[in-house]
N, C-alpha and C. Protein backbone atom coordinates (compact mmCIF):
# COMPACT_ATOMS: atom_id res chain seq x y z
N MET A 1 94.06 110.01 97.76
CA MET A 1 93.03 109.49 96.89
C MET A 1 91.98 110.55 96.60
N GLY A 2 91.82 111.51 97.47
CA GLY A 2 90.90 112.61 97.22
C GLY A 2 89.48 112.16 96.94
N THR A 3 88.79 112.87 96.05
CA THR A 3 87.39 112.57 95.78
C THR A 3 87.21 111.34 94.90
N SER A 4 88.27 110.78 94.38
CA SER A 4 88.15 109.57 93.57
C SER A 4 88.41 108.32 94.41
N THR A 5 88.23 108.43 95.71
CA THR A 5 88.54 107.36 96.64
C THR A 5 87.93 106.03 96.24
N PHE A 6 86.62 106.01 96.02
CA PHE A 6 85.99 104.73 95.71
C PHE A 6 86.41 104.20 94.35
N GLU A 7 86.64 105.08 93.41
CA GLU A 7 87.14 104.65 92.10
C GLU A 7 88.48 103.93 92.27
N VAL A 8 89.36 104.50 93.07
CA VAL A 8 90.66 103.89 93.33
C VAL A 8 90.48 102.58 94.09
N LEU A 9 89.65 102.58 95.09
CA LEU A 9 89.50 101.39 95.92
C LEU A 9 88.90 100.21 95.16
N PHE A 10 88.03 100.47 94.21
CA PHE A 10 87.49 99.35 93.43
C PHE A 10 88.58 98.74 92.57
N LYS A 11 89.63 99.49 92.30
CA LYS A 11 90.75 98.96 91.52
C LYS A 11 91.69 98.12 92.38
N LEU A 12 91.43 98.00 93.67
CA LEU A 12 92.21 97.12 94.53
C LEU A 12 91.97 95.66 94.16
N LYS A 13 90.81 95.40 93.63
CA LYS A 13 90.42 94.03 93.28
C LYS A 13 91.45 93.42 92.33
N GLY A 14 91.88 92.23 92.68
CA GLY A 14 92.82 91.52 91.83
C GLY A 14 94.28 91.75 92.16
N HIS A 15 94.55 92.68 93.08
CA HIS A 15 95.94 92.93 93.48
C HIS A 15 96.24 92.16 94.75
N GLN A 16 97.47 91.68 94.85
CA GLN A 16 97.87 90.93 96.04
C GLN A 16 98.43 91.85 97.11
N ARG A 17 99.04 92.95 96.69
CA ARG A 17 99.72 93.83 97.64
C ARG A 17 99.46 95.29 97.28
N ILE A 18 99.14 96.07 98.30
CA ILE A 18 98.88 97.50 98.14
C ILE A 18 99.75 98.25 99.14
N ILE A 19 100.35 99.35 98.68
CA ILE A 19 101.14 100.21 99.57
C ILE A 19 100.54 101.61 99.51
N LEU A 20 100.14 102.14 100.67
CA LEU A 20 99.57 103.48 100.76
C LEU A 20 100.55 104.39 101.51
N VAL A 21 100.71 105.60 101.01
CA VAL A 21 101.56 106.60 101.66
C VAL A 21 100.71 107.85 101.84
N ASP A 22 100.72 108.40 103.05
CA ASP A 22 99.92 109.58 103.31
C ASP A 22 100.56 110.40 104.42
N ALA A 23 100.08 111.60 104.57
CA ALA A 23 100.49 112.47 105.67
C ALA A 23 99.44 112.35 106.77
N VAL A 24 99.84 112.64 107.99
CA VAL A 24 98.91 112.57 109.11
C VAL A 24 99.15 113.77 110.02
N LEU A 25 98.05 114.38 110.44
CA LEU A 25 98.07 115.54 111.35
C LEU A 25 97.77 115.12 112.77
N ASN A 26 98.14 115.97 113.71
CA ASN A 26 97.71 115.84 115.10
C ASN A 26 98.11 114.52 115.76
N THR A 27 99.32 114.07 115.52
CA THR A 27 99.77 112.83 116.14
C THR A 27 100.43 113.07 117.48
N LYS A 28 100.75 114.32 117.78
CA LYS A 28 101.50 114.71 118.98
C LYS A 28 102.94 114.20 118.91
N GLU A 29 103.35 113.74 117.73
CA GLU A 29 104.73 113.35 117.49
C GLU A 29 105.41 114.47 116.71
N GLU A 30 106.73 114.44 116.66
CA GLU A 30 107.47 115.45 115.92
C GLU A 30 107.16 115.36 114.44
N VAL A 31 107.19 116.52 113.77
CA VAL A 31 107.02 116.55 112.32
C VAL A 31 108.09 115.66 111.70
N GLY A 32 107.68 114.84 110.74
CA GLY A 32 108.61 113.94 110.09
C GLY A 32 108.63 112.55 110.69
N THR A 33 107.92 112.36 111.82
CA THR A 33 107.85 111.02 112.41
C THR A 33 107.16 110.10 111.41
N LEU A 34 107.72 108.94 111.23
CA LEU A 34 107.21 107.98 110.25
C LEU A 34 106.53 106.84 110.97
N PHE A 35 105.31 106.55 110.54
CA PHE A 35 104.56 105.42 111.07
C PHE A 35 104.45 104.39 109.95
N ARG A 36 104.68 103.15 110.30
CA ARG A 36 104.64 102.05 109.33
C ARG A 36 103.80 100.94 109.94
N LEU A 37 102.67 100.63 109.35
CA LEU A 37 101.78 99.65 109.94
C LEU A 37 100.92 98.97 108.89
N PRO A 38 100.44 97.78 109.19
CA PRO A 38 99.50 97.15 108.28
C PRO A 38 98.15 97.87 108.35
N ALA A 39 97.50 98.01 107.22
CA ALA A 39 96.22 98.73 107.17
C ALA A 39 95.19 98.09 108.09
N GLU A 40 95.29 96.81 108.29
CA GLU A 40 94.33 96.10 109.14
C GLU A 40 94.24 96.70 110.54
N GLU A 41 95.36 97.19 111.06
CA GLU A 41 95.36 97.80 112.39
C GLU A 41 94.45 99.02 112.45
N ILE A 42 94.38 99.75 111.35
CA ILE A 42 93.57 100.96 111.34
C ILE A 42 92.14 100.67 110.93
N THR A 43 91.95 99.84 109.91
CA THR A 43 90.59 99.58 109.43
C THR A 43 89.77 98.85 110.48
N ASN A 44 90.40 98.02 111.32
CA ASN A 44 89.66 97.34 112.39
C ASN A 44 89.14 98.33 113.42
N ALA A 45 89.84 99.45 113.59
CA ALA A 45 89.45 100.46 114.58
C ALA A 45 88.58 101.56 113.98
N THR A 46 88.31 101.49 112.68
CA THR A 46 87.54 102.54 112.00
C THR A 46 86.07 102.41 112.34
N LYS A 47 85.47 103.52 112.74
CA LYS A 47 84.04 103.54 113.04
C LYS A 47 83.25 103.82 111.77
N GLU A 48 82.12 103.16 111.65
CA GLU A 48 81.25 103.43 110.51
C GLU A 48 80.53 104.74 110.76
N VAL A 49 80.28 105.45 109.68
CA VAL A 49 79.52 106.69 109.77
C VAL A 49 78.23 106.50 108.99
N SER A 50 77.19 107.19 109.41
CA SER A 50 75.89 106.99 108.76
C SER A 50 75.79 107.70 107.42
N LYS A 51 76.54 108.79 107.24
CA LYS A 51 76.51 109.52 105.99
C LYS A 51 77.93 109.61 105.44
N ILE A 52 78.05 109.29 104.16
CA ILE A 52 79.36 109.34 103.52
C ILE A 52 79.32 110.39 102.43
N PHE A 53 80.31 111.28 102.39
CA PHE A 53 80.45 112.18 101.26
C PHE A 53 81.92 112.20 100.89
N LEU A 54 82.18 112.26 99.60
CA LEU A 54 83.52 112.03 99.08
C LEU A 54 84.58 112.96 99.63
N HIS A 55 84.25 114.21 99.86
CA HIS A 55 85.26 115.14 100.36
C HIS A 55 85.62 114.87 101.81
N GLY A 56 84.77 114.20 102.54
CA GLY A 56 85.03 113.95 103.95
C GLY A 56 85.44 112.53 104.25
N LEU A 57 85.55 111.69 103.22
CA LEU A 57 85.89 110.29 103.43
C LEU A 57 87.40 110.12 103.58
N LYS A 58 87.81 109.57 104.69
CA LYS A 58 89.23 109.33 104.93
C LYS A 58 89.62 107.98 104.35
N TRP A 59 90.92 107.82 104.04
CA TRP A 59 91.36 106.58 103.39
C TRP A 59 91.09 105.37 104.25
N ASN A 60 91.21 105.48 105.57
CA ASN A 60 90.97 104.32 106.43
C ASN A 60 89.50 103.93 106.42
N GLN A 61 88.61 104.92 106.35
CA GLN A 61 87.18 104.61 106.24
C GLN A 61 86.90 103.95 104.88
N ALA A 62 87.53 104.50 103.84
CA ALA A 62 87.33 103.95 102.51
C ALA A 62 87.81 102.50 102.43
N LEU A 63 88.93 102.21 103.07
CA LEU A 63 89.42 100.82 103.08
C LEU A 63 88.44 99.91 103.81
N ALA A 64 87.90 100.39 104.92
CA ALA A 64 86.94 99.57 105.67
C ALA A 64 85.71 99.26 104.82
N TYR A 65 85.20 100.27 104.11
CA TYR A 65 84.04 100.04 103.24
C TYR A 65 84.41 99.15 102.06
N SER A 66 85.60 99.37 101.52
CA SER A 66 86.06 98.56 100.39
C SER A 66 86.16 97.09 100.78
N LYS A 67 86.62 96.85 102.00
CA LYS A 67 86.74 95.47 102.48
C LYS A 67 85.36 94.79 102.50
N LYS A 68 84.37 95.54 102.93
CA LYS A 68 83.00 94.99 102.95
C LYS A 68 82.47 94.76 101.53
N ILE A 69 82.73 95.71 100.66
CA ILE A 69 82.20 95.64 99.29
C ILE A 69 82.90 94.56 98.48
N LEU A 70 84.23 94.48 98.57
CA LEU A 70 84.99 93.53 97.76
C LEU A 70 85.00 92.12 98.33
N GLY A 71 84.74 91.98 99.61
CA GLY A 71 84.71 90.65 100.23
C GLY A 71 86.01 89.89 100.01
N ASP A 72 85.91 88.70 99.43
CA ASP A 72 87.09 87.85 99.21
C ASP A 72 88.07 88.43 98.21
N ASP A 73 87.66 89.42 97.43
CA ASP A 73 88.55 90.05 96.46
C ASP A 73 89.38 91.18 97.05
N TYR A 74 89.20 91.44 98.33
CA TYR A 74 89.96 92.50 99.01
C TYR A 74 91.39 92.00 99.24
N PRO A 75 92.39 92.80 98.88
CA PRO A 75 93.79 92.38 99.08
C PRO A 75 94.10 92.17 100.56
N GLU A 76 94.82 91.11 100.85
CA GLU A 76 95.17 90.82 102.24
C GLU A 76 96.38 91.60 102.72
N ASP A 77 97.26 91.99 101.80
CA ASP A 77 98.51 92.66 102.18
C ASP A 77 98.45 94.13 101.80
N ILE A 78 98.06 94.96 102.76
CA ILE A 78 98.03 96.41 102.55
C ILE A 78 98.90 97.03 103.62
N GLN A 79 99.98 97.67 103.19
CA GLN A 79 100.93 98.32 104.10
C GLN A 79 100.72 99.83 104.02
N VAL A 80 100.72 100.49 105.16
CA VAL A 80 100.48 101.92 105.23
C VAL A 80 101.70 102.62 105.83
N TYR A 81 102.12 103.69 105.17
CA TYR A 81 103.19 104.56 105.67
C TYR A 81 102.58 105.93 105.88
N LEU A 82 102.71 106.46 107.08
CA LEU A 82 102.18 107.77 107.41
C LEU A 82 103.32 108.65 107.91
N VAL A 83 103.37 109.88 107.44
CA VAL A 83 104.39 110.84 107.86
C VAL A 83 103.68 111.97 108.62
N ALA A 84 104.12 112.23 109.83
CA ALA A 84 103.54 113.31 110.64
C ALA A 84 103.89 114.66 110.03
N ILE A 85 102.87 115.50 109.86
CA ILE A 85 103.05 116.85 109.35
C ILE A 85 102.41 117.84 110.31
N SER A 86 102.70 119.13 110.13
CA SER A 86 102.16 120.13 111.05
C SER A 86 100.95 120.86 110.51
N ASN A 87 100.77 120.85 109.17
CA ASN A 87 99.62 121.55 108.60
C ASN A 87 99.36 121.02 107.19
N THR A 88 98.21 121.39 106.65
CA THR A 88 97.85 120.98 105.29
C THR A 88 97.67 122.19 104.38
N LYS A 89 98.32 123.28 104.73
CA LYS A 89 98.25 124.47 103.89
C LYS A 89 98.92 124.19 102.55
N LEU A 90 98.39 124.78 101.50
CA LEU A 90 98.97 124.62 100.18
C LEU A 90 100.30 125.35 100.13
N GLU A 91 101.36 124.59 99.99
CA GLU A 91 102.70 125.15 99.94
C GLU A 91 103.46 124.47 98.81
N THR A 92 104.53 125.09 98.36
CA THR A 92 105.30 124.52 97.25
C THR A 92 106.43 123.62 97.71
N GLY A 93 106.70 123.58 98.96
CA GLY A 93 107.80 122.77 99.46
C GLY A 93 107.37 122.00 100.68
N MET A 94 108.36 121.32 101.26
CA MET A 94 108.09 120.61 102.51
C MET A 94 109.28 120.79 103.43
N SER A 95 109.06 120.56 104.68
CA SER A 95 110.13 120.73 105.66
C SER A 95 111.20 119.66 105.43
N GLN A 96 112.39 119.92 105.94
CA GLN A 96 113.48 118.95 105.84
C GLN A 96 113.11 117.64 106.54
N GLU A 97 112.41 117.75 107.66
CA GLU A 97 112.02 116.56 108.42
C GLU A 97 111.07 115.68 107.61
N VAL A 98 110.10 116.30 106.96
CA VAL A 98 109.14 115.54 106.15
C VAL A 98 109.84 114.97 104.92
N SER A 99 110.74 115.73 104.32
CA SER A 99 111.49 115.25 103.17
C SER A 99 112.33 114.02 103.53
N ARG A 100 113.00 114.07 104.69
CA ARG A 100 113.80 112.92 105.14
C ARG A 100 112.91 111.70 105.39
N ALA A 101 111.74 111.94 105.98
CA ALA A 101 110.80 110.84 106.21
C ALA A 101 110.35 110.24 104.88
N GLY A 102 110.11 111.10 103.88
CA GLY A 102 109.74 110.62 102.55
C GLY A 102 110.82 109.74 101.95
N ASP A 103 112.08 110.13 102.14
CA ASP A 103 113.20 109.30 101.66
C ASP A 103 113.21 107.94 102.35
N LYS A 104 112.92 107.94 103.66
CA LYS A 104 112.85 106.67 104.40
C LYS A 104 111.72 105.79 103.87
N VAL A 105 110.59 106.42 103.55
CA VAL A 105 109.46 105.66 103.01
C VAL A 105 109.88 104.96 101.71
N VAL A 106 110.56 105.69 100.85
CA VAL A 106 111.03 105.09 99.59
C VAL A 106 111.94 103.90 99.89
N ASP A 107 112.87 104.06 100.83
CA ASP A 107 113.76 102.97 101.19
C ASP A 107 112.99 101.77 101.73
N TYR A 108 112.02 102.02 102.60
CA TYR A 108 111.22 100.93 103.17
C TYR A 108 110.42 100.20 102.08
N ILE A 109 109.85 100.96 101.17
CA ILE A 109 109.06 100.33 100.10
C ILE A 109 109.96 99.48 99.22
N LEU A 110 111.11 100.00 98.85
CA LEU A 110 112.04 99.21 98.04
C LEU A 110 112.47 97.95 98.79
N GLU A 111 112.71 98.10 100.08
CA GLU A 111 113.08 96.95 100.91
C GLU A 111 111.93 95.94 100.95
N ASP A 112 110.72 96.42 101.16
CA ASP A 112 109.54 95.53 101.22
C ASP A 112 109.35 94.78 99.90
N LEU A 113 109.68 95.45 98.81
CA LEU A 113 109.51 94.83 97.50
C LEU A 113 110.76 94.07 97.06
N ASN A 114 111.74 94.00 97.96
CA ASN A 114 113.01 93.31 97.68
C ASN A 114 113.71 93.91 96.47
N LEU A 115 113.69 95.24 96.38
CA LEU A 115 114.39 95.94 95.31
C LEU A 115 115.50 96.78 95.93
N SER A 116 116.52 97.04 95.18
CA SER A 116 117.56 97.93 95.68
C SER A 116 117.31 99.33 95.12
N LYS A 117 117.78 100.31 95.84
CA LYS A 117 117.61 101.69 95.42
C LYS A 117 118.44 101.95 94.16
N ARG A 118 117.79 102.45 93.14
CA ARG A 118 118.49 102.73 91.87
C ARG A 118 119.07 104.13 91.94
N THR A 119 120.32 104.26 91.53
CA THR A 119 120.94 105.59 91.54
C THR A 119 121.35 105.99 90.16
């Protein structure tokens, strides 16, 4: 979501289901490990910070603030997929492990949406 985090989050209003996909560092798991969890598990554990700036706002913090701001208009079904990575250096490719995890994410999302993979 980058620096447009709040712009994106305000667009959550009116949607029943949201799917977020992101990379995660420092999990102590192997690169390519896939985490699949409801956003509620993370936003409930998110600590509030006294100062917010767009470049430092993480998606889980943004969801927690969005939940407060949107109130009853906040979507109840938000699924999060996280893929463990080793670095965030600007590169043109990705490791085979991360690529395979990305393919699994696509399969899981299609399964969650009751769609079959189109070939």
